[in-house]
Amino acid sequence: MKRLLQIEFIKLWNNRASRVLILSYFVLLTSIALVAAIKFDIGPIQFHLADQGIFNFPYIWHFNTFITAFFKLFLAIVIVSMMSNEYSNKTIKQNLIDGLSKKEFVLSKFLTVLSFALISTVFVFVVSMILGLVYSDYNELSIIFSDLEFLLAFFIKLVGFFSFCLFLGVLVKRSAFALGFLILWQVFEAFARGMLRWKFFDAATTDTIMGFFPLNAMWNLLKEPFTRLGSVQSVANQIGEQLTLNYRVHGYEILIVLVWTAVFVYSSYALLKKRDL
């Protein structure tokens, strides 16, 4: 496994575009710390975003994982380009000639996916821990290390999404078309949701059905965190609204994404196995 990972990272690091995208991704993950510096005055009103509680433990685990998950598109481009380059440069054929089996080839790609997801999760953990220790109003260990389930959900979400990108890279062969297919699939899921809600089911039933679609299943792992903020809750109470949403990470949601991950990885292998490379 170590040898397979070394081969993949050498390929990625020797590709200038991939190197720039990977570095840009981790710079963006770090840039969430800049949110703490947002401060402005409106007359007598002084606004400092860090004082709004977004970096309080344990809320920070939810907020940071939700926000940084949007940056995953950078690594999605790297993954589909990784597969596209294998075809265009004919390195996949050379790897097979050199003794790498198709199973090992797909395994090497999946190990890269796992590595990206794991490194991202550790990176977000470290950045969040530093921000929390600096800005959080609560520093008890029991509070700091509660709600770490959001980090697990973040990791599973990235693994599932990157596995989908890997499958598209194998299926379509060209990175631009693979990314286009990803966008089309997102549009398809949105269309399916609209049709189910309009023609057949109520909102709750529609949400349940859509939870089995891959991109919706990944989205459901990390619900939006903004309505958890005390200031938002206060405003809602003042206008007579009760915000009682369920923000927890549920085991069945993780299971659905893991099943899709297995489907994508196996399908990638099945496609390669059938193709004459």
C-alpha atoms as a PDB file:
ATOM      1  CA  MET A   1       0.000   0.000   0.000  1.00  0.00           C
ATOM      2  CA  LYS A   2       2.844   2.353   0.831  1.00  0.00           C
ATOM      3  CA  ARG A   3       4.384   1.692  -2.597  1.00  0.00           C
ATOM      4  CA  LEU A   4       1.075   2.421  -4.341  1.00  0.00           C
ATOM      5  CA  LEU A   5       0.651   5.695  -2.466  1.00  0.00           C
ATOM      6  CA  GLN A   6       4.216   6.743  -3.241  1.00  0.00           C
ATOM      7  CA  ILE A   7       3.608   6.176  -6.952  1.00  0.00           C
ATOM      8  CA  GLU A   8       0.457   8.331  -6.894  1.00  0.00           C
ATOM      9  CA  PHE A   9       1.957  11.209  -4.912  1.00  0.00           C
ATOM     10  CA  ILE A  10       5.026  11.301  -7.165  1.00  0.00           C
ATOM     11  CA  LYS A  11       2.707  11.600 -10.177  1.00  0.00           C
ATOM     12  CA  LEU A  12       0.659  14.348  -8.534  1.00  0.00           C
ATOM     13  CA  TRP A  13       3.638  16.343  -7.311  1.00  0.00           C
ATOM     14  CA  ASN A  14       5.306  16.228 -10.711  1.00  0.00           C
ATOM     15  CA  ASN A  15       2.171  17.682 -12.303  1.00  0.00           C
ATOM     16  CA  ARG A  16       2.321  21.455 -11.928  1.00  0.00           C
ATOM     17  CA  ALA A  17      -1.443  22.042 -12.153  1.00  0.00           C
ATOM     18  CA  SER A  18      -2.190  19.388  -9.520  1.00  0.00           C
ATOM     19  CA  ARG A  19       0.503  20.786  -7.248  1.00  0.00           C
ATOM     20  CA  VAL A  20      -0.948  24.311  -7.479  1.00  0.00           C
ATOM     21  CA  LEU A  21      -4.507  23.093  -6.823  1.00  0.00           C
ATOM     22  CA  ILE A  22      -3.489  21.002  -3.809  1.00  0.00           C
ATOM     23  CA  LEU A  23      -1.525  23.886  -2.270  1.00  0.00           C
ATOM     24  CA  SER A  24      -4.377  26.316  -3.010  1.00  0.00           C
ATOM     25  CA  TYR A  25      -6.821  23.960  -1.301  1.00  0.00           C
ATOM     26  CA  PHE A  26      -4.847  23.839   1.932  1.00  0.00           C
ATOM     27  CA  VAL A  27      -4.260  27.591   1.851  1.00  0.00           C
ATOM     28  CA  LEU A  28      -8.030  28.034   1.622  1.00  0.00           C
ATOM     29  CA  LEU A  29      -8.560  25.661   4.549  1.00  0.00           C
ATOM     30  CA  THR A  30      -6.191  27.817   6.569  1.00  0.00           C
ATOM     31  CA  SER A  31      -7.867  31.035   5.420  1.00  0.00           C
ATOM     32  CA  ILE A  32     -10.901  30.275   7.565  1.00  0.00           C
ATOM     33  CA  ALA A  33      -8.784  31.737  10.354  1.00  0.00           C
ATOM     34  CA  LEU A  34      -9.082  35.106   8.589  1.00  0.00           C
ATOM     35  CA  VAL A  35     -12.788  35.111   9.471  1.00  0.00           C
ATOM     36  CA  ALA A  36     -11.704  35.892  13.022  1.00  0.00           C
ATOM     37  CA  ALA A  37     -10.217  39.172  11.813  1.00  0.00           C
ATOM     38  CA  ILE A  38     -13.487  40.472  10.307  1.00  0.00           C
ATOM     39  CA  LYS A  39     -14.327  43.574  12.306  1.00  0.00           C
ATOM     40  CA  PHE A  40     -16.132  46.773  11.367  1.00  0.00           C
ATOM     41  CA  ASP A  41     -17.960  49.671  12.992  1.00  0.00           C
ATOM     42  CA  ILE A  42     -21.384  51.024  11.992  1.00  0.00           C
ATOM     43  CA  GLY A  43     -21.709  54.231  13.985  1.00  0.00           C
ATOM     44  CA  PRO A  44     -21.787  53.236  17.644  1.00  0.00           C
ATOM     45  CA  ILE A  45     -22.183  49.551  16.753  1.00  0.00           C
ATOM     46  CA  GLN A  46     -18.983  47.507  16.739  1.00  0.00           C
ATOM     47  CA  PHE A  47     -19.141  44.140  14.987  1.00  0.00           C
ATOM     48  CA  HIS A  48     -16.479  41.464  15.451  1.00  0.00           C
ATOM     49  CA  LEU A  49     -17.382  38.132  13.871  1.00  0.00           C
ATOM     50  CA  ALA A  50     -15.278  36.142  16.324  1.00  0.00           C
ATOM     51  CA  ASP A  51     -17.432  37.553  19.148  1.00  0.00           C
ATOM     52  CA  GLN A  52     -20.584  36.028  17.647  1.00  0.00           C
ATOM     53  CA  GLY A  53     -19.698  32.593  19.019  1.00  0.00           C
ATOM     54  CA  ILE A  54     -18.708  30.888  15.760  1.00  0.00           C
ATOM     55  CA  PHE A  55     -15.398  29.794  17.306  1.00  0.00           C
ATOM     56  CA  ASN A  56     -16.870  28.554  20.561  1.00  0.00           C
ATOM     57  CA  PHE A  57     -16.342  24.909  21.471  1.00  0.00           C
ATOM     58  CA  PRO A  58     -18.041  22.638  20.513  1.00  0.00           C
ATOM     59  CA  TYR A  59     -19.901  24.687  17.848  1.00  0.00           C
ATOM     60  CA  ILE A  60     -16.636  25.325  15.975  1.00  0.00           C
ATOM     61  CA  TRP A  61     -16.433  21.674  14.884  1.00  0.00           C
ATOM     62  CA  HIS A  62     -19.782  21.995  13.138  1.00  0.00           C
ATOM     63  CA  PHE A  63     -19.159  25.445  11.648  1.00  0.00           C
ATOM     64  CA  ASN A  64     -15.652  24.832  10.317  1.00  0.00           C
ATOM     65  CA  THR A  65     -16.366  21.420   8.796  1.00  0.00           C
ATOM     66  CA  PHE A  66     -19.478  22.764   7.057  1.00  0.00           C
ATOM     67  CA  ILE A  67     -17.656  25.784   5.598  1.00  0.00           C
ATOM     68  CA  THR A  68     -14.439  24.013   4.570  1.00  0.00           C
ATOM     69  CA  ALA A  69     -16.399  21.220   2.852  1.00  0.00           C
ATOM     70  CA  PHE A  70     -17.193  23.726   0.082  1.00  0.00           C
ATOM     71  CA  PHE A  71     -13.490  23.844  -0.848  1.00  0.00           C
ATOM     72  CA  LYS A  72     -13.481  20.157  -1.796  1.00  0.00           C
ATOM     73  CA  LEU A  73     -14.007  21.088  -5.449  1.00  0.00           C
ATOM     74  CA  PHE A  74     -10.290  21.921  -5.684  1.00  0.00           C
ATOM     75  CA  LEU A  75      -9.347  18.333  -4.889  1.00  0.00           C
ATOM     76  CA  ALA A  76     -12.203  17.073  -7.077  1.00  0.00           C
ATOM     77  CA  ILE A  77     -10.453  18.745 -10.026  1.00  0.00           C
ATOM     78  CA  VAL A  78      -7.182  17.095  -8.988  1.00  0.00           C
ATOM     79  CA  ILE A  79      -8.803  13.642  -8.811  1.00  0.00           C
ATOM     80  CA  VAL A  80     -10.567  13.767 -12.185  1.00  0.00           C
ATOM     81  CA  SER A  81      -7.429  15.265 -13.755  1.00  0.00           C
ATOM     82  CA  MET A  82      -5.393  12.467 -12.173  1.00  0.00           C
ATOM     83  CA  MET A  83      -7.477   9.907 -14.051  1.00  0.00           C
ATOM     84  CA  SER A  84      -7.570  11.957 -17.247  1.00  0.00           C
ATOM     85  CA  ASN A  85      -3.780  12.197 -17.274  1.00  0.00           C
ATOM     86  CA  GLU A  86      -3.504   8.428 -16.879  1.00  0.00           C
ATOM     87  CA  TYR A  87      -5.391   8.001 -20.147  1.00  0.00           C
ATOM     88  CA  SER A  88      -3.901  10.928 -22.104  1.00  0.00           C
ATOM     89  CA  ASN A  89      -0.300  10.168 -21.070  1.00  0.00           C
ATOM     90  CA  LYS A  90      -0.885   6.395 -21.402  1.00  0.00           C
ATOM     91  CA  THR A  91       0.682   5.877 -17.961  1.00  0.00           C
ATOM     92  CA  ILE A  92      -2.153   3.519 -17.046  1.00  0.00           C
ATOM     93  CA  LYS A  93      -1.086   1.146 -19.834  1.00  0.00           C
ATOM     94  CA  GLN A  94       2.556   1.478 -18.804  1.00  0.00           C
ATOM     95  CA  ASN A  95       1.691   0.737 -15.156  1.00  0.00           C
ATOM     96  CA  LEU A  96      -0.127  -2.431 -16.223  1.00  0.00           C
ATOM     97  CA  ILE A  97       2.783  -3.478 -18.438  1.00  0.00           C
ATOM     98  CA  ASP A  98       5.145  -2.935 -15.494  1.00  0.00           C
ATOM     99  CA  GLY A  99       3.185  -5.456 -13.449  1.00  0.00           C
ATOM    100  CA  LEU A 100       0.525  -3.390 -11.666  1.00  0.00           C
ATOM    101  CA  SER A 101      -2.837  -5.172 -11.780  1.00  0.00           C
ATOM    102  CA  LYS A 102      -6.057  -3.271 -12.496  1.00  0.00           C
ATOM    103  CA  LYS A 103      -7.164  -3.986  -8.929  1.00  0.00           C
ATOM    104  CA  GLU A 104      -3.948  -2.458  -7.564  1.00  0.00           C
ATOM    105  CA  PHE A 105      -4.336   0.505  -9.899  1.00  0.00           C
ATOM    106  CA  VAL A 106      -7.837   1.312  -8.571  1.00  0.00           C
ATOM    107  CA  LEU A 107      -6.637   0.653  -5.019  1.00  0.00           C
ATOM    108  CA  SER A 108      -3.824   3.179  -5.489  1.00  0.00           C
ATOM    109  CA  LYS A 109      -6.374   5.803  -6.583  1.00  0.00           C
ATOM    110  CA  PHE A 110      -8.683   5.024  -3.662  1.00  0.00           C
ATOM    111  CA  LEU A 111      -5.773   5.229  -1.216  1.00  0.00           C
ATOM    112  CA  THR A 112      -5.063   8.689  -2.634  1.00  0.00           C
ATOM    113  CA  VAL A 113      -8.711   9.608  -2.037  1.00  0.00           C
ATOM    114  CA  LEU A 114      -8.474   8.366   1.570  1.00  0.00           C
ATOM    115  CA  SER A 115      -5.222  10.287   2.069  1.00  0.00           C
ATOM    116  CA  PHE A 116      -6.718  13.543   0.804  1.00  0.00           C
ATOM    117  CA  ALA A 117      -9.756  13.109   3.062  1.00  0.00           C
ATOM    118  CA  LEU A 118      -7.680  12.178   6.118  1.00  0.00           C
ATOM    119  CA  ILE A 119      -5.137  14.988   5.684  1.00  0.00           C
ATOM    120  CA  SER A 120      -7.981  17.479   5.166  1.00  0.00           C
ATOM    121  CA  THR A 121      -9.719  16.289   8.339  1.00  0.00           C
ATOM    122  CA  VAL A 122      -6.550  16.525  10.428  1.00  0.00           C
ATOM    123  CA  PHE A 123      -5.852  19.963   8.956  1.00  0.00           C
ATOM    124  CA  VAL A 124      -9.339  21.239   9.839  1.00  0.00           C
ATOM    125  CA  PHE A 125      -9.010  19.727  13.336  1.00  0.00           C
ATOM    126  CA  VAL A 126      -5.722  21.572  13.979  1.00  0.00           C
ATOM    127  CA  VAL A 127      -6.956  24.923  12.604  1.00  0.00           C
ATOM    128  CA  SER A 128     -10.227  24.629  14.545  1.00  0.00           C
ATOM    129  CA  MET A 129      -8.436  23.678  17.744  1.00  0.00           C
ATOM    130  CA  ILE A 130      -6.144  26.708  17.511  1.00  0.00           C
ATOM    131  CA  LEU A 131      -9.031  29.096  16.756  1.00  0.00           C
ATOM    132  CA  GLY A 132     -11.124  27.585  19.518  1.00  0.00           C
ATOM    133  CA  LEU A 133      -8.380  27.855  22.125  1.00  0.00           C
ATOM    134  CA  VAL A 134      -7.876  31.515  21.184  1.00  0.00           C
ATOM    135  CA  TYR A 135     -11.510  32.667  20.837  1.00  0.00           C
ATOM    136  CA  SER A 136     -13.803  30.170  22.577  1.00  0.00           C
ATOM    137  CA  ASP A 137     -15.603  31.145  25.766  1.00  0.00           C
ATOM    138  CA  TYR A 138     -15.523  27.509  26.875  1.00  0.00           C
ATOM    139  CA  ASN A 139     -12.220  25.727  27.439  1.00  0.00           C
ATOM    140  CA  GLU A 140     -13.183  22.715  29.562  1.00  0.00           C
ATOM    141  CA  LEU A 141     -11.832  19.487  28.057  1.00  0.00           C
ATOM    142  CA  SER A 142     -15.254  17.823  28.154  1.00  0.00           C
ATOM    143  CA  ILE A 143     -16.662  20.660  26.023  1.00  0.00           C
ATOM    144  CA  ILE A 144     -13.653  20.942  23.698  1.00  0.00           C
ATOM    145  CA  PHE A 145     -13.792  17.278  22.714  1.00  0.00           C
ATOM    146  CA  SER A 146     -17.571  16.969  22.406  1.00  0.00           C
ATOM    147  CA  ASP A 147     -19.287  16.977  19.002  1.00  0.00           C
ATOM    148  CA  LEU A 148     -16.233  15.527  17.246  1.00  0.00           C
ATOM    149  CA  GLU A 149     -18.733  13.493  15.246  1.00  0.00           C
ATOM    150  CA  PHE A 150     -18.759  16.417  12.809  1.00  0.00           C
ATOM    151  CA  LEU A 151     -15.126  15.685  11.950  1.00  0.00           C
ATOM    152  CA  LEU A 152     -16.039  12.054  11.255  1.00  0.00           C
ATOM    153  CA  ALA A 153     -18.913  13.226   9.052  1.00  0.00           C
ATOM    154  CA  PHE A 154     -16.527  15.605   7.251  1.00  0.00           C
ATOM    155  CA  PHE A 155     -14.100  12.753   6.579  1.00  0.00           C
ATOM    156  CA  ILE A 156     -16.846  10.416   5.305  1.00  0.00           C
ATOM    157  CA  LYS A 157     -18.287  13.199   3.153  1.00  0.00           C
ATOM    158  CA  LEU A 158     -14.915  13.850   1.487  1.00  0.00           C
ATOM    159  CA  VAL A 159     -14.248  10.142   0.924  1.00  0.00           C
ATOM    160  CA  GLY A 160     -17.677   9.718  -0.681  1.00  0.00           C
ATOM    161  CA  PHE A 161     -17.372  12.814  -2.863  1.00  0.00           C
ATOM    162  CA  PHE A 162     -13.815  12.062  -3.991  1.00  0.00           C
ATOM    163  CA  SER A 163     -14.809   8.446  -4.767  1.00  0.00           C
ATOM    164  CA  PHE A 164     -17.619   9.792  -6.961  1.00  0.00           C
ATOM    165  CA  CYS A 165     -15.074  12.021  -8.741  1.00  0.00           C
ATOM    166  CA  LEU A 166     -12.760   9.023  -9.171  1.00  0.00           C
ATOM    167  CA  PHE A 167     -15.591   7.036 -10.763  1.00  0.00           C
ATOM    168  CA  LEU A 168     -16.414   9.927 -13.118  1.00  0.00           C
ATOM    169  CA  GLY A 169     -12.741  10.215 -14.071  1.00  0.00           C
ATOM    170  CA  VAL A 170     -12.655   6.508 -14.974  1.00  0.00           C
ATOM    171  CA  LEU A 171     -16.025   6.668 -16.750  1.00  0.00           C
ATOM    172  CA  VAL A 172     -15.530   9.809 -18.856  1.00  0.00           C
ATOM    173  CA  LYS A 173     -11.720   9.854 -19.231  1.00  0.00           C
ATOM    174  CA  ARG A 174     -11.527  13.625 -19.797  1.00  0.00           C
ATOM    175  CA  SER A 175     -11.452  15.929 -16.789  1.00  0.00           C
ATOM    176  CA  ALA A 176     -13.577  18.718 -18.291  1.00  0.00           C
ATOM    177  CA  PHE A 177     -16.342  16.285 -19.268  1.00  0.00           C
ATOM    178  CA  ALA A 178     -16.126  14.525 -15.897  1.00  0.00           C
ATOM    179  CA  LEU A 179     -16.595  17.823 -14.041  1.00  0.00           C
ATOM    180  CA  GLY A 180     -19.411  18.701 -16.413  1.00  0.00           C
ATOM    181  CA  PHE A 181     -21.089  15.382 -15.610  1.00  0.00           C
ATOM    182  CA  LEU A 182     -20.715  16.161 -11.889  1.00  0.00           C
ATOM    183  CA  ILE A 183     -22.549  19.461 -12.382  1.00  0.00           C
ATOM    184  CA  LEU A 184     -25.237  17.760 -14.481  1.00  0.00           C
ATOM    185  CA  TRP A 185     -25.759  15.149 -11.781  1.00  0.00           C
ATOM    186  CA  GLN A 186     -26.248  17.926  -9.219  1.00  0.00           C
ATOM    187  CA  VAL A 187     -28.835  19.510 -11.536  1.00  0.00           C
ATOM    188  CA  PHE A 188     -30.509  16.110 -11.973  1.00  0.00           C
ATOM    189  CA  GLU A 189     -30.842  15.620  -8.207  1.00  0.00           C
ATOM    190  CA  ALA A 190     -32.305  19.113  -7.825  1.00  0.00           C
ATOM    191  CA  PHE A 191     -34.760  18.379 -10.672  1.00  0.00           C
ATOM    192  CA  ALA A 192     -35.709  15.031  -9.108  1.00  0.00           C
ATOM    193  CA  ARG A 193     -36.370  16.749  -5.778  1.00  0.00           C
ATOM    194  CA  GLY A 194     -38.593  19.339  -7.463  1.00  0.00           C
ATOM    195  CA  MET A 195     -40.588  16.741  -9.396  1.00  0.00           C
ATOM    196  CA  LEU A 196     -41.074  14.475  -6.376  1.00  0.00           C
ATOM    197  CA  ARG A 197     -42.236  17.404  -4.247  1.00  0.00           C
ATOM    198  CA  TRP A 198     -44.500  18.840  -6.955  1.00  0.00           C
ATOM    199  CA  LYS A 199     -46.148  15.685  -8.232  1.00  0.00           C
ATOM    200  CA  PHE A 200     -45.982  12.983  -5.610  1.00  0.00           C
ATOM    201  CA  PHE A 201     -44.949  13.599  -1.974  1.00  0.00           C
ATOM    202  CA  ASP A 202     -44.895  16.077   0.880  1.00  0.00           C
ATOM    203  CA  ALA A 203     -41.674  17.804   1.950  1.00  0.00           C
ATOM    204  CA  ALA A 204     -40.712  15.254   4.625  1.00  0.00           C
ATOM    205  CA  THR A 205     -41.187  12.233   2.340  1.00  0.00           C
ATOM    206  CA  THR A 206     -39.324  13.959  -0.499  1.00  0.00           C
ATOM    207  CA  ASP A 207     -36.394  14.708   1.813  1.00  0.00           C
ATOM    208  CA  THR A 208     -36.318  11.073   2.942  1.00  0.00           C
ATOM    209  CA  ILE A 209     -36.231   9.775  -0.644  1.00  0.00           C
ATOM    210  CA  MET A 210     -33.614  12.313  -1.739  1.00  0.00           C
ATOM    211  CA  GLY A 211     -31.456  11.230   1.182  1.00  0.00           C
ATOM    212  CA  PHE A 212     -30.659   8.070  -0.795  1.00  0.00           C
ATOM    213  CA  PHE A 213     -29.260  10.007  -3.776  1.00  0.00           C
ATOM    214  CA  PRO A 214     -25.435  10.277  -3.594  1.00  0.00           C
ATOM    215  CA  LEU A 215     -24.867  14.049  -3.523  1.00  0.00           C
ATOM    216  CA  ASN A 216     -27.866  14.657  -1.258  1.00  0.00           C
ATOM    217  CA  ALA A 217     -26.681  11.893   1.064  1.00  0.00           C
ATOM    218  CA  MET A 218     -23.275  13.599   1.311  1.00  0.00           C
ATOM    219  CA  TRP A 219     -24.911  16.992   1.910  1.00  0.00           C
ATOM    220  CA  ASN A 220     -27.061  15.553   4.725  1.00  0.00           C
ATOM    221  CA  LEU A 221     -23.988  14.520   6.715  1.00  0.00           C
ATOM    222  CA  LEU A 222     -23.306  18.153   7.657  1.00  0.00           C
ATOM    223  CA  LYS A 223     -26.419  20.284   8.109  1.00  0.00           C
ATOM    224  CA  GLU A 224     -26.145  24.056   7.975  1.00  0.00           C
ATOM    225  CA  PRO A 225     -24.845  25.386  11.316  1.00  0.00           C
ATOM    226  CA  PHE A 226     -25.992  29.026  11.170  1.00  0.00           C
ATOM    227  CA  THR A 227     -29.374  28.588  12.839  1.00  0.00           C
ATOM    228  CA  ARG A 228     -27.575  27.130  15.870  1.00  0.00           C
ATOM    229  CA  LEU A 229     -26.041  30.519  16.671  1.00  0.00           C
ATOM    230  CA  GLY A 230     -27.479  32.216  19.753  1.00  0.00           C
ATOM    231  CA  SER A 231     -27.999  35.500  17.888  1.00  0.00           C
ATOM    232  CA  VAL A 232     -30.022  33.757  15.164  1.00  0.00           C
ATOM    233  CA  GLN A 233     -32.084  31.903  17.761  1.00  0.00           C
ATOM    234  CA  SER A 234     -32.799  35.197  19.558  1.00  0.00           C
ATOM    235  CA  VAL A 235     -33.973  36.917  16.383  1.00  0.00           C
ATOM    236  CA  ALA A 236     -36.183  33.916  15.555  1.00  0.00           C
ATOM    237  CA  ASN A 237     -37.747  34.015  19.025  1.00  0.00           C
ATOM    238  CA  GLN A 238     -38.437  37.739  18.697  1.00  0.00           C
ATOM    239  CA  ILE A 239     -40.414  37.209  15.485  1.00  0.00           C
ATOM    240  CA  GLY A 240     -42.238  34.226  16.922  1.00  0.00           C
ATOM    241  CA  GLU A 241     -40.348  31.455  15.109  1.00  0.00           C
ATOM    242  CA  GLN A 242     -39.078  28.315  16.805  1.00  0.00           C
ATOM    243  CA  LEU A 243     -35.909  26.843  15.269  1.00  0.00           C
ATOM    244  CA  THR A 244     -35.848  23.236  16.445  1.00  0.00           C
ATOM    245  CA  LEU A 245     -33.777  21.596  13.719  1.00  0.00           C
ATOM    246  CA  ASN A 246     -31.864  18.351  14.184  1.00  0.00           C
ATOM    247  CA  TYR A 247     -28.165  19.028  13.553  1.00  0.00           C
ATOM    248  CA  ARG A 248     -26.821  15.665  14.685  1.00  0.00           C
ATOM    249  CA  VAL A 249     -24.860  13.241  12.518  1.00  0.00           C
ATOM    250  CA  HIS A 250     -26.887  10.049  12.170  1.00  0.00           C
ATOM    251  CA  GLY A 251     -25.470   6.577  11.670  1.00  0.00           C
ATOM    252  CA  TYR A 252     -27.823   5.724   8.812  1.00  0.00           C
ATOM    253  CA  GLU A 253     -26.639   8.834   6.913  1.00  0.00           C
ATOM    254  CA  ILE A 254     -23.031   7.704   7.273  1.00  0.00           C
ATOM    255  CA  LEU A 255     -24.015   4.201   6.134  1.00  0.00           C
ATOM    256  CA  ILE A 256     -25.709   5.512   2.972  1.00  0.00           C
ATOM    257  CA  VAL A 257     -22.581   7.470   1.984  1.00  0.00           C
ATOM    258  CA  LEU A 258     -20.331   4.486   2.750  1.00  0.00           C
ATOM    259  CA  VAL A 259     -22.509   2.270   0.522  1.00  0.00           C
ATOM    260  CA  TRP A 260     -22.254   4.813  -2.311  1.00  0.00           C
ATOM    261  CA  THR A 261     -18.482   4.974  -1.777  1.00  0.00           C
ATOM    262  CA  ALA A 262     -18.232   1.209  -2.162  1.00  0.00           C
ATOM    263  CA  VAL A 263     -20.425   1.376  -5.282  1.00  0.00           C
ATOM    264  CA  PHE A 264     -18.236   4.068  -6.872  1.00  0.00           C
ATOM    265  CA  VAL A 265     -14.959   2.294  -6.119  1.00  0.00           C
ATOM    266  CA  TYR A 266     -16.209  -1.098  -7.290  1.00  0.00           C
ATOM    267  CA  SER A 267     -17.734   0.456 -10.420  1.00  0.00           C
ATOM    268  CA  SER A 268     -14.393   2.110 -11.209  1.00  0.00           C
ATOM    269  CA  TYR A 269     -12.706  -1.287 -10.977  1.00  0.00           C
ATOM    270  CA  ALA A 270     -15.441  -2.992 -13.018  1.00  0.00           C
ATOM    271  CA  LEU A 271     -15.106  -0.403 -15.796  1.00  0.00           C
ATOM    272  CA  LEU A 272     -11.335  -0.780 -15.959  1.00  0.00           C
ATOM    273  CA  LYS A 273     -11.607  -4.553 -15.877  1.00  0.00           C
ATOM    274  CA  LYS A 274     -13.905  -4.568 -18.917  1.00  0.00           C
ATOM    275  CA  ARG A 275     -11.896  -2.068 -20.942  1.00  0.00           C
ATOM    276  CA  ASP A 276      -9.134  -2.998 -23.319  1.00  0.00           C
ATOM    277  CA  LEU A 277      -6.427  -0.522 -22.345  1.00  0.00           C
END
